[in-house]
């Protein structure tokens, strides 16, 4: 499976614009660097899992809206997971990313 970062960036920009927010406002809310959002939206920069989660929180949606094009709004469980991930160092984030990738590939019965 190939990840289309330009499409992810387009979805992030679409959500931001739907909320009437400027890039700098989202950068402040997500605590990311100046012009980083612009690079993500244009598919130039590849956001980490943590940045995707921060953007989802800043734009009041779920990461799947950016990753697969659908938002899951029932419940707030994803925000709890996002908060846990925010506290992890790079090693733990890499492990969490691997686990989440594996989990998304599993068929649920």
PDB file of N, CA and C in Angstrom:
ATOM      1  N   UNK A   1       0.840  -1.184   0.000  1.00  0.00           N
ATOM      2  CA  UNK A   1       0.000   0.000   0.000  1.00  0.00           C
ATOM      3  C   UNK A   1       0.885   1.249   0.000  1.00  0.00           C
ATOM      4  N   UNK A   2       0.653   2.124  -0.944  1.00  0.00           N
ATOM      5  CA  UNK A   2       1.411   3.366  -1.062  1.00  0.00           C
ATOM      6  C   UNK A   2       0.620   4.490  -0.397  1.00  0.00           C
ATOM      7  N   UNK A   3       1.301   5.270   0.408  1.00  0.00           N
ATOM      8  CA  UNK A   3       0.646   6.388   1.083  1.00  0.00           C
ATOM      9  C   UNK A   3       0.779   7.627   0.204  1.00  0.00           C
ATOM     10  N   UNK A   4      -0.346   8.272  -0.061  1.00  0.00           N
ATOM     11  CA  UNK A   4      -0.373   9.470  -0.908  1.00  0.00           C
ATOM     12  C   UNK A   4      -0.372  10.706  -0.009  1.00  0.00           C
ATOM     13  N   UNK A   5       0.823  11.254   0.223  1.00  0.00           N
ATOM     14  CA  UNK A   5       0.956  12.387   1.133  1.00  0.00           C
ATOM     15  C   UNK A   5       0.357  13.667   0.560  1.00  0.00           C
ATOM     16  N   UNK A   6       0.298  13.783  -0.761  1.00  0.00           N
ATOM     17  CA  UNK A   6      -0.365  14.957  -1.348  1.00  0.00           C
ATOM     18  C   UNK A   6      -1.859  14.917  -1.045  1.00  0.00           C
ATOM     19  N   UNK A   7      -2.444  13.729  -1.093  1.00  0.00           N
ATOM     20  CA  UNK A   7      -3.870  13.581  -0.790  1.00  0.00           C
ATOM     21  C   UNK A   7      -4.129  13.850   0.691  1.00  0.00           C
ATOM     22  N   UNK A   8      -3.261  13.377   1.553  1.00  0.00           N
ATOM     23  CA  UNK A   8      -3.394  13.655   2.985  1.00  0.00           C
ATOM     24  C   UNK A   8      -3.330  15.163   3.210  1.00  0.00           C
ATOM     25  N   UNK A   9      -2.374  15.824   2.582  1.00  0.00           N
ATOM     26  CA  UNK A   9      -2.246  17.278   2.705  1.00  0.00           C
ATOM     27  C   UNK A   9      -3.479  18.001   2.198  1.00  0.00           C
ATOM     28  N   UNK A  10      -4.039  17.517   1.081  1.00  0.00           N
ATOM     29  CA  UNK A  10      -5.247  18.125   0.524  1.00  0.00           C
ATOM     30  C   UNK A  10      -6.416  17.993   1.502  1.00  0.00           C
ATOM     31  N   UNK A  11      -6.526  16.841   2.146  1.00  0.00           N
ATOM     32  CA  UNK A  11      -7.615  16.629   3.110  1.00  0.00           C
ATOM     33  C   UNK A  11      -7.449  17.528   4.342  1.00  0.00           C
ATOM     34  N   UNK A  12      -6.219  17.707   4.788  1.00  0.00           N
ATOM     35  CA  UNK A  12      -5.962  18.594   5.918  1.00  0.00           C
ATOM     36  C   UNK A  12      -6.343  20.024   5.543  1.00  0.00           C
ATOM     37  N   UNK A  13      -5.915  20.467   4.359  1.00  0.00           N
ATOM     38  CA  UNK A  13      -6.246  21.822   3.906  1.00  0.00           C
ATOM     39  C   UNK A  13      -7.755  21.996   3.770  1.00  0.00           C
ATOM     40  N   UNK A  14      -8.418  20.999   3.247  1.00  0.00           N
ATOM     41  CA  UNK A  14      -9.878  21.059   3.073  1.00  0.00           C
ATOM     42  C   UNK A  14     -10.574  21.223   4.427  1.00  0.00           C
ATOM     43  N   UNK A  15     -10.138  20.461   5.421  1.00  0.00           N
ATOM     44  CA  UNK A  15     -10.740  20.556   6.758  1.00  0.00           C
ATOM     45  C   UNK A  15     -10.464  21.939   7.366  1.00  0.00           C
ATOM     46  N   UNK A  16      -9.234  22.414   7.236  1.00  0.00           N
ATOM     47  CA  UNK A  16      -8.866  23.722   7.782  1.00  0.00           C
ATOM     48  C   UNK A  16      -9.717  24.822   7.170  1.00  0.00           C
ATOM     49  N   UNK A  17      -9.862  24.776   5.861  1.00  0.00           N
ATOM     50  CA  UNK A  17     -10.654  25.796   5.166  1.00  0.00           C
ATOM     51  C   UNK A  17     -12.132  25.703   5.528  1.00  0.00           C
ATOM     52  N   UNK A  18     -12.634  24.482   5.726  1.00  0.00           N
ATOM     53  CA  UNK A  18     -14.034  24.306   6.112  1.00  0.00           C
ATOM     54  C   UNK A  18     -14.320  24.945   7.464  1.00  0.00           C
ATOM     55  N   UNK A  19     -13.292  24.981   8.316  1.00  0.00           N
ATOM     56  CA  UNK A  19     -13.441  25.608   9.637  1.00  0.00           C
ATOM     57  C   UNK A  19     -13.115  27.103   9.599  1.00  0.00           C
ATOM     58  N   UNK A  20     -12.691  27.597   8.440  1.00  0.00           N
ATOM     59  CA  UNK A  20     -12.371  29.020   8.301  1.00  0.00           C
ATOM     60  C   UNK A  20     -11.111  29.433   9.026  1.00  0.00           C
ATOM     61  N   UNK A  21     -10.151  28.528   9.128  1.00  0.00           N
ATOM     62  CA  UNK A  21      -8.915  28.811   9.854  1.00  0.00           C
ATOM     63  C   UNK A  21      -7.761  29.091   8.903  1.00  0.00           C
ATOM     64  N   UNK A  22      -6.879  29.950   9.325  1.00  0.00           N
ATOM     65  CA  UNK A  22      -5.644  30.252   8.594  1.00  0.00           C
ATOM     66  C   UNK A  22      -4.588  29.224   8.999  1.00  0.00           C
ATOM     67  N   UNK A  23      -3.598  29.050   8.155  1.00  0.00           N
ATOM     68  CA  UNK A  23      -2.544  28.078   8.464  1.00  0.00           C
ATOM     69  C   UNK A  23      -1.850  28.391   9.784  1.00  0.00           C
ATOM     70  N   UNK A  24      -1.541  29.638  10.025  1.00  0.00           N
ATOM     71  CA  UNK A  24      -0.828  29.986  11.264  1.00  0.00           C
ATOM     72  C   UNK A  24      -1.661  29.676  12.499  1.00  0.00           C
ATOM     73  N   UNK A  25      -2.987  29.778  12.388  1.00  0.00           N
ATOM     74  CA  UNK A  25      -3.851  29.460  13.523  1.00  0.00           C
ATOM     75  C   UNK A  25      -3.786  27.969  13.854  1.00  0.00           C
ATOM     76  N   UNK A  26      -3.781  27.152  12.823  1.00  0.00           N
ATOM     77  CA  UNK A  26      -3.701  25.696  13.030  1.00  0.00           C
ATOM     78  C   UNK A  26      -2.312  25.313  13.538  1.00  0.00           C
ATOM     79  N   UNK A  27      -1.276  25.961  13.008  1.00  0.00           N
ATOM     80  CA  UNK A  27       0.085  25.693  13.485  1.00  0.00           C
ATOM     81  C   UNK A  27       0.207  25.989  14.975  1.00  0.00           C
ATOM     82  N   UNK A  28      -0.401  27.073  15.423  1.00  0.00           N
ATOM     83  CA  UNK A  28      -0.375  27.404  16.847  1.00  0.00           C
ATOM     84  C   UNK A  28      -1.150  26.375  17.662  1.00  0.00           C
ATOM     85  N   UNK A  29      -2.344  26.026  17.211  1.00  0.00           N
ATOM     86  CA  UNK A  29      -3.166  25.043  17.933  1.00  0.00           C
ATOM     87  C   UNK A  29      -2.475  23.684  18.031  1.00  0.00           C
ATOM     88  N   UNK A  30      -1.793  23.290  16.950  1.00  0.00           N
ATOM     89  CA  UNK A  30      -1.153  21.976  16.898  1.00  0.00           C
ATOM     90  C   UNK A  30       0.278  22.003  17.429  1.00  0.00           C
ATOM     91  N   UNK A  31       0.759  23.193  17.767  1.00  0.00           N
ATOM     92  CA  UNK A  31       2.121  23.369  18.265  1.00  0.00           C
ATOM     93  C   UNK A  31       3.149  22.794  17.286  1.00  0.00           C
ATOM     94  N   UNK A  32       3.010  23.216  16.027  1.00  0.00           N
ATOM     95  CA  UNK A  32       3.984  22.827  15.002  1.00  0.00           C
ATOM     96  C   UNK A  32       4.628  24.089  14.442  1.00  0.00           C
ATOM     97  N   UNK A  33       5.755  23.921  13.787  1.00  0.00           N
ATOM     98  CA  UNK A  33       6.552  25.051  13.326  1.00  0.00           C
ATOM     99  C   UNK A  33       5.912  25.884  12.233  1.00  0.00           C
ATOM    100  N   UNK A  34       6.406  27.103  12.133  1.00  0.00           N
ATOM    101  CA  UNK A  34       5.975  28.071  11.124  1.00  0.00           C
ATOM    102  C   UNK A  34       6.208  27.498   9.725  1.00  0.00           C
ATOM    103  N   UNK A  35       5.208  27.565   8.879  1.00  0.00           N
ATOM    104  CA  UNK A  35       5.222  27.105   7.484  1.00  0.00           C
ATOM    105  C   UNK A  35       5.233  25.580   7.324  1.00  0.00           C
ATOM    106  N   UNK A  36       5.283  24.831   8.433  1.00  0.00           N
ATOM    107  CA  UNK A  36       5.276  23.372   8.335  1.00  0.00           C
ATOM    108  C   UNK A  36       3.943  22.893   7.761  1.00  0.00           C
ATOM    109  N   UNK A  37       2.847  23.498   8.196  1.00  0.00           N
ATOM    110  CA  UNK A  37       1.534  23.099   7.703  1.00  0.00           C
ATOM    111  C   UNK A  37       1.435  23.336   6.199  1.00  0.00           C
ATOM    112  N   UNK A  38       1.963  24.429   5.725  1.00  0.00           N
ATOM    113  CA  UNK A  38       1.958  24.707   4.293  1.00  0.00           C
ATOM    114  C   UNK A  38       2.659  23.587   3.525  1.00  0.00           C
ATOM    115  N   UNK A  39       3.800  23.151   4.027  1.00  0.00           N
ATOM    116  CA  UNK A  39       4.546  22.072   3.382  1.00  0.00           C
ATOM    117  C   UNK A  39       3.786  20.745   3.439  1.00  0.00           C
ATOM    118  N   UNK A  40       3.094  20.493   4.529  1.00  0.00           N
ATOM    119  CA  UNK A  40       2.292  19.272   4.644  1.00  0.00           C
ATOM    120  C   UNK A  40       1.136  19.323   3.653  1.00  0.00           C
ATOM    121  N   UNK A  41       0.449  20.443   3.614  1.00  0.00           N
ATOM    122  CA  UNK A  41      -0.712  20.580   2.734  1.00  0.00           C
ATOM    123  C   UNK A  41      -0.334  20.446   1.262  1.00  0.00           C
ATOM    124  N   UNK A  42       0.874  20.817   0.903  1.00  0.00           N
ATOM    125  CA  UNK A  42       1.322  20.711  -0.490  1.00  0.00           C
ATOM    126  C   UNK A  42       2.008  19.372  -0.781  1.00  0.00           C
ATOM    127  N   UNK A  43       2.110  18.504   0.232  1.00  0.00           N
ATOM    128  CA  UNK A  43       2.726  17.199   0.038  1.00  0.00           C
ATOM    129  C   UNK A  43       4.236  17.230  -0.016  1.00  0.00           C
ATOM    130  N   UNK A  44       4.832  18.327   0.447  1.00  0.00           N
ATOM    131  CA  UNK A  44       6.290  18.469   0.436  1.00  0.00           C
ATOM    132  C   UNK A  44       6.897  17.803   1.667  1.00  0.00           C
ATOM    133  N   UNK A  45       6.277  18.012   2.831  1.00  0.00           N
ATOM    134  CA  UNK A  45       6.736  17.406   4.072  1.00  0.00           C
ATOM    135  C   UNK A  45       5.831  16.226   4.424  1.00  0.00           C
ATOM    136  N   UNK A  46       6.441  15.189   4.974  1.00  0.00           N
ATOM    137  CA  UNK A  46       5.700  14.005   5.410  1.00  0.00           C
ATOM    138  C   UNK A  46       5.504  14.118   6.917  1.00  0.00           C
ATOM    139  N   UNK A  47       4.255  14.274   7.366  1.00  0.00           N
ATOM    140  CA  UNK A  47       4.012  14.435   8.798  1.00  0.00           C
ATOM    141  C   UNK A  47       4.157  13.116   9.549  1.00  0.00           C
ATOM    142  N   UNK A  48       4.674  13.206  10.768  1.00  0.00           N
ATOM    143  CA  UNK A  48       4.760  12.027  11.625  1.00  0.00           C
ATOM    144  C   UNK A  48       3.369  11.678  12.144  1.00  0.00           C
ATOM    145  N   UNK A  49       3.267  10.523  12.751  1.00  0.00           N
ATOM    146  CA  UNK A  49       2.006  10.118  13.373  1.00  0.00           C
ATOM    147  C   UNK A  49       1.581  11.140  14.413  1.00  0.00           C
ATOM    148  N   UNK A  50       2.542  11.608  15.197  1.00  0.00           N
ATOM    149  CA  UNK A  50       2.226  12.592  16.233  1.00  0.00           C
ATOM    150  C   UNK A  50       1.670  13.875  15.625  1.00  0.00           C
ATOM    151  N   UNK A  51       2.255  14.339  14.543  1.00  0.00           N
ATOM    152  CA  UNK A  51       1.781  15.576  13.906  1.00  0.00           C
ATOM    153  C   UNK A  51       0.384  15.371  13.331  1.00  0.00           C
ATOM    154  N   UNK A  52       0.121  14.221  12.727  1.00  0.00           N
ATOM    155  CA  UNK A  52      -1.228  13.926  12.234  1.00  0.00           C
ATOM    156  C   UNK A  52      -2.232  13.992  13.384  1.00  0.00           C
ATOM    157  N   UNK A  53      -1.868  13.421  14.515  1.00  0.00           N
ATOM    158  CA  UNK A  53      -2.763  13.449  15.678  1.00  0.00           C
ATOM    159  C   UNK A  53      -2.951  14.862  16.204  1.00  0.00           C
ATOM    160  N   UNK A  54      -1.887  15.634  16.259  1.00  0.00           N
ATOM    161  CA  UNK A  54      -2.005  17.031  16.712  1.00  0.00           C
ATOM    162  C   UNK A  54      -2.907  17.837  15.782  1.00  0.00           C
ATOM    163  N   UNK A  55      -2.744  17.617  14.477  1.00  0.00           N
ATOM    164  CA  UNK A  55      -3.589  18.328  13.510  1.00  0.00           C
ATOM    165  C   UNK A  55      -5.045  17.906  13.638  1.00  0.00           C
ATOM    166  N   UNK A  56      -5.280  16.625  13.870  1.00  0.00           N
ATOM    167  CA  UNK A  56      -6.662  16.153  14.053  1.00  0.00           C
ATOM    168  C   UNK A  56      -7.304  16.823  15.257  1.00  0.00           C
ATOM    169  N   UNK A  57      -6.564  16.926  16.337  1.00  0.00           N
ATOM    170  CA  UNK A  57      -7.094  17.585  17.538  1.00  0.00           C
ATOM    171  C   UNK A  57      -7.326  19.068  17.245  1.00  0.00           C
ATOM    172  N   UNK A  58      -6.346  19.716  16.608  1.00  0.00           N
ATOM    173  CA  UNK A  58      -6.462  21.155  16.307  1.00  0.00           C
ATOM    174  C   UNK A  58      -7.634  21.441  15.373  1.00  0.00           C
ATOM    175  N   UNK A  59      -7.949  20.490  14.496  1.00  0.00           N
ATOM    176  CA  UNK A  59      -9.027  20.681  13.529  1.00  0.00           C
ATOM    177  C   UNK A  59     -10.297  19.930  13.931  1.00  0.00           C
ATOM    178  N   UNK A  60     -10.349  19.486  15.173  1.00  0.00           N
ATOM    179  CA  UNK A  60     -11.532  18.852  15.765  1.00  0.00           C
ATOM    180  C   UNK A  60     -12.110  17.749  14.876  1.00  0.00           C
ATOM    181  N   UNK A  61     -11.235  16.819  14.517  1.00  0.00           N
ATOM    182  CA  UNK A  61     -11.655  15.667  13.730  1.00  0.00           C
ATOM    183  C   UNK A  61     -10.830  14.475  14.156  1.00  0.00           C
ATOM    184  N   UNK A  62     -10.918  13.407  13.394  1.00  0.00           N
ATOM    185  CA  UNK A  62     -10.136  12.216  13.683  1.00  0.00           C
ATOM    186  C   UNK A  62      -9.049  12.055  12.619  1.00  0.00           C
ATOM    187  N   UNK A  63      -7.960  11.379  12.968  1.00  0.00           N
ATOM    188  CA  UNK A  63      -6.882  11.188  11.995  1.00  0.00           C
ATOM    189  C   UNK A  63      -7.339  10.477  10.716  1.00  0.00           C
ATOM    190  N   UNK A  64      -8.345   9.615  10.821  1.00  0.00           N
ATOM    191  CA  UNK A  64      -8.770   8.906   9.626  1.00  0.00           C
ATOM    192  C   UNK A  64      -9.379   9.829   8.575  1.00  0.00           C
ATOM    193  N   UNK A  65      -9.847  10.995   8.960  1.00  0.00           N
ATOM    194  CA  UNK A  65     -10.328  11.949   7.948  1.00  0.00           C
ATOM    195  C   UNK A  65      -9.179  12.330   7.014  1.00  0.00           C
ATOM    196  N   UNK A  66      -7.991  12.478   7.563  1.00  0.00           N
ATOM    197  CA  UNK A  66      -6.827  12.833   6.756  1.00  0.00           C
ATOM    198  C   UNK A  66      -6.246  11.617   6.040  1.00  0.00           C
ATOM    199  N   UNK A  67      -6.200  10.498   6.741  1.00  0.00           N
ATOM    200  CA  UNK A  67      -5.518   9.322   6.213  1.00  0.00           C
ATOM    201  C   UNK A  67      -6.329   8.552   5.178  1.00  0.00           C
ATOM    202  N   UNK A  68      -7.636   8.408   5.426  1.00  0.00           N
ATOM    203  CA  UNK A  68      -8.461   7.623   4.498  1.00  0.00           C
ATOM    204  C   UNK A  68      -9.663   8.383   3.964  1.00  0.00           C
ATOM    205  N   UNK A  69      -9.871   9.584   4.420  1.00  0.00           N
ATOM    206  CA  UNK A  69     -10.937  10.411   3.879  1.00  0.00           C
ATOM    207  C   UNK A  69     -12.269  10.323   4.591  1.00  0.00           C
ATOM    208  N   UNK A  70     -12.320   9.654   5.731  1.00  0.00           N
ATOM    209  CA  UNK A  70     -13.556   9.580   6.504  1.00  0.00           C
ATOM    210  C   UNK A  70     -13.257   9.911   7.955  1.00  0.00           C
ATOM    211  N   UNK A  71     -14.171  10.593   8.572  1.00  0.00           N
ATOM    212  CA  UNK A  71     -13.994  10.956   9.981  1.00  0.00           C
ATOM    213  C   UNK A  71     -14.923  10.119  10.838  1.00  0.00           C
ATOM    214  N   UNK A  72     -14.381   9.634  11.922  1.00  0.00           N
ATOM    215  CA  UNK A  72     -15.169   8.874  12.872  1.00  0.00           C
ATOM    216  C   UNK A  72     -15.467   9.789  14.054  1.00  0.00           C
ATOM    217  N   UNK A  73     -16.695  10.161  14.215  1.00  0.00           N
ATOM    218  CA  UNK A  73     -17.044  11.135  15.237  1.00  0.00           C
ATOM    219  C   UNK A  73     -17.665  10.538  16.497  1.00  0.00           C
ATOM    220  N   UNK A  74     -18.029   9.250  16.448  1.00  0.00           N
ATOM    221  CA  UNK A  74     -18.659   8.685  17.624  1.00  0.00           C
ATOM    222  C   UNK A  74     -17.626   8.481  18.728  1.00  0.00           C
ATOM    223  N   UNK A  75     -17.809   9.167  19.814  1.00  0.00           N
ATOM    224  CA  UNK A  75     -16.914   9.013  20.951  1.00  0.00           C
ATOM    225  C   UNK A  75     -15.660   9.863  20.861  1.00  0.00           C
ATOM    226  N   UNK A  76     -14.963   9.904  21.947  1.00  0.00           N
ATOM    227  CA  UNK A  76     -13.747  10.709  22.049  1.00  0.00           C
ATOM    228  C   UNK A  76     -12.526   9.840  22.312  1.00  0.00           C
ATOM    229  N   UNK A  77     -12.638   8.532  22.114  1.00  0.00           N
ATOM    230  CA  UNK A  77     -11.546   7.612  22.405  1.00  0.00           C
ATOM    231  C   UNK A  77     -10.263   7.928  21.678  1.00  0.00           C
ATOM    232  N   UNK A  78     -10.362   8.383  20.429  1.00  0.00           N
ATOM    233  CA  UNK A  78      -9.161   8.698  19.658  1.00  0.00           C
ATOM    234  C   UNK A  78      -8.373   9.828  20.291  1.00  0.00           C
ATOM    235  N   UNK A  79      -9.063  10.767  20.941  1.00  0.00           N
ATOM    236  CA  UNK A  79      -8.348  11.870  21.585  1.00  0.00           C
ATOM    237  C   UNK A  79      -7.516  11.365  22.757  1.00  0.00           C
ATOM    238  N   UNK A  80      -8.040  10.365  23.472  1.00  0.00           N
ATOM    239  CA  UNK A  80      -7.280   9.775  24.576  1.00  0.00           C
ATOM    240  C   UNK A  80      -6.012   9.117  24.054  1.00  0.00           C
ATOM    241  N   UNK A  81      -6.132   8.407  22.931  1.00  0.00           N
ATOM    242  CA  UNK A  81      -4.966   7.768  22.320  1.00  0.00           C
ATOM    243  C   UNK A  81      -3.977   8.835  21.859  1.00  0.00           C
ATOM    244  N   UNK A  82      -4.480   9.895  21.264  1.00  0.00           N
ATOM    245  CA  UNK A  82      -3.611  10.974  20.798  1.00  0.00           C
ATOM    246  C   UNK A  82      -2.822  11.572  21.953  1.00  0.00           C
ATOM    247  N   UNK A  83      -3.473  11.772  23.067  1.00  0.00           N
ATOM    248  CA  UNK A  83      -2.788  12.340  24.226  1.00  0.00           C
ATOM    249  C   UNK A  83      -1.697  11.404  24.746  1.00  0.00           C
ATOM    250  N   UNK A  84      -1.948  10.105  24.716  1.00  0.00           N
ATOM    251  CA  UNK A  84      -0.921   9.150  25.129  1.00  0.00           C
ATOM    252  C   UNK A  84       0.288   9.214  24.199  1.00  0.00           C
ATOM    253  N   UNK A  85       0.026   9.299  22.911  1.00  0.00           N
ATOM    254  CA  UNK A  85       1.114   9.345  21.944  1.00  0.00           C
ATOM    255  C   UNK A  85       1.941  10.618  22.067  1.00  0.00           C
ATOM    256  N   UNK A  86       1.313  11.686  22.443  1.00  0.00           N
ATOM    257  CA  UNK A  86       2.032  12.972  22.567  1.00  0.00           C
ATOM    258  C   UNK A  86       3.140  12.912  23.602  1.00  0.00           C
ATOM    259  N   UNK A  87       3.014  12.049  24.600  1.00  0.00           N
ATOM    260  CA  UNK A  87       4.000  11.985  25.684  1.00  0.00           C
ATOM    261  C   UNK A  87       5.157  11.042  25.382  1.00  0.00           C
ATOM    262  N   UNK A  88       5.104  10.323  24.261  1.00  0.00           N
ATOM    263  CA  UNK A  88       6.105   9.296  23.962  1.00  0.00           C
ATOM    264  C   UNK A  88       7.345   9.872  23.290  1.00  0.00           C
ATOM    265  N   UNK A  89       8.478   9.218  23.585  1.00  0.00           N
ATOM    266  CA  UNK A  89       9.714   9.587  22.886  1.00  0.00           C
ATOM    267  C   UNK A  89       9.716   8.908  21.515  1.00  0.00           C
ATOM    268  N   UNK A  90      10.743   9.187  20.706  1.00  0.00           N
ATOM    269  CA  UNK A  90      10.788   8.678  19.331  1.00  0.00           C
ATOM    270  C   UNK A  90      10.755   7.150  19.274  1.00  0.00           C
ATOM    271  N   UNK A  91      11.438   6.492  20.206  1.00  0.00           N
ATOM    272  CA  UNK A  91      11.457   5.031  20.217  1.00  0.00           C
ATOM    273  C   UNK A  91      10.077   4.447  20.445  1.00  0.00           C
ATOM    274  N   UNK A  92       9.371   4.986  21.419  1.00  0.00           N
ATOM    275  CA  UNK A  92       8.023   4.500  21.708  1.00  0.00           C
ATOM    276  C   UNK A  92       7.058   4.844  20.581  1.00  0.00           C
ATOM    277  N   UNK A  93       7.224   6.020  19.963  1.00  0.00           N
ATOM    278  CA  UNK A  93       6.372   6.389  18.833  1.00  0.00           C
ATOM    279  C   UNK A  93       6.570   5.440  17.657  1.00  0.00           C
ATOM    280  N   UNK A  94       7.812   5.047  17.414  1.00  0.00           N
ATOM    281  CA  UNK A  94       8.086   4.102  16.323  1.00  0.00           C
ATOM    282  C   UNK A  94       7.411   2.761  16.603  1.00  0.00           C
ATOM    283  N   UNK A  95       7.472   2.315  17.832  1.00  0.00           N
ATOM    284  CA  UNK A  95       6.810   1.066  18.216  1.00  0.00           C
ATOM    285  C   UNK A  95       5.294   1.189  18.077  1.00  0.00           C
ATOM    286  N   UNK A  96       4.736   2.310  18.534  1.00  0.00           N
ATOM    287  CA  UNK A  96       3.293   2.538  18.422  1.00  0.00           C
ATOM    288  C   UNK A  96       2.877   2.590  16.957  1.00  0.00           C
ATOM    289  N   UNK A  97       3.655   3.242  16.125  1.00  0.00           N
ATOM    290  CA  UNK A  97       3.371   3.334  14.696  1.00  0.00           C
ATOM    291  C   UNK A  97       3.349   1.937  14.075  1.00  0.00           C
ATOM    292  N   UNK A  98       4.333   1.111  14.425  1.00  0.00           N
ATOM    293  CA  UNK A  98       4.382  -0.260  13.901  1.00  0.00           C
ATOM    294  C   UNK A  98       3.156  -1.055  14.334  1.00  0.00           C
ATOM    295  N   UNK A  99       2.798  -0.926  15.597  1.00  0.00           N
ATOM    296  CA  UNK A  99       1.633  -1.641  16.101  1.00  0.00           C
ATOM    297  C   UNK A  99       0.357  -1.166  15.400  1.00  0.00           C
ATOM    298  N   UNK A 100       0.194   0.145  15.253  1.00  0.00           N
ATOM    299  CA  UNK A 100      -1.005   0.676  14.598  1.00  0.00           C
ATOM    300  C   UNK A 100      -1.074   0.241  13.136  1.00  0.00           C
ATOM    301  N   UNK A 101       0.071   0.199  12.464  1.00  0.00           N
ATOM    302  CA  UNK A 101       0.095  -0.278  11.081  1.00  0.00           C
ATOM    303  C   UNK A 101      -0.354  -1.733  11.032  1.00  0.00           C
ATOM    304  N   UNK A 102       0.192  -2.559  11.932  1.00  0.00           N
ATOM    305  CA  UNK A 102      -0.198  -3.966  11.994  1.00  0.00           C
ATOM    306  C   UNK A 102      -1.689  -4.086  12.283  1.00  0.00           C
ATOM    307  N   UNK A 103      -2.175  -3.308  13.228  1.00  0.00           N
ATOM    308  CA  UNK A 103      -3.578  -3.375  13.631  1.00  0.00           C
ATOM    309  C   UNK A 103      -4.510  -3.020  12.479  1.00  0.00           C
ATOM    310  N   UNK A 104      -4.160  -2.029  11.684  1.00  0.00           N
ATOM    311  CA  UNK A 104      -5.019  -1.642  10.567  1.00  0.00           C
ATOM    312  C   UNK A 104      -5.076  -2.712   9.484  1.00  0.00           C
ATOM    313  N   UNK A 105      -4.086  -3.568   9.448  1.00  0.00           N
ATOM    314  CA  UNK A 105      -4.047  -4.642   8.451  1.00  0.00           C
ATOM    315  C   UNK A 105      -4.823  -5.885   8.876  1.00  0.00           C
ATOM    316  N   UNK A 106      -5.259  -5.928  10.131  1.00  0.00           N
ATOM    317  CA  UNK A 106      -5.948  -7.104  10.654  1.00  0.00           C
ATOM    318  C   UNK A 106      -7.429  -7.069  10.296  1.00  0.00           C
ATOM    319  N   UNK A 107      -7.958  -8.229   9.992  1.00  0.00           N
ATOM    320  CA  UNK A 107      -9.402  -8.343   9.752  1.00  0.00           C
ATOM    321  C   UNK A 107     -10.098  -8.541  11.091  1.00  0.00           C
ATOM    322  N   UNK A 108     -11.123  -7.785  11.324  1.00  0.00           N
ATOM    323  CA  UNK A 108     -11.905  -7.901  12.561  1.00  0.00           C
ATOM    324  C   UNK A 108     -13.062  -8.856  12.313  1.00  0.00           C
ATOM    325  N   UNK A 109     -13.305  -9.727  13.256  1.00  0.00           N
ATOM    326  CA  UNK A 109     -14.414 -10.695  13.114  1.00  0.00           C
ATOM    327  C   UNK A 109     -15.580 -10.296  13.931  1.00  0.00           C
TER     328      UNK A 109
END
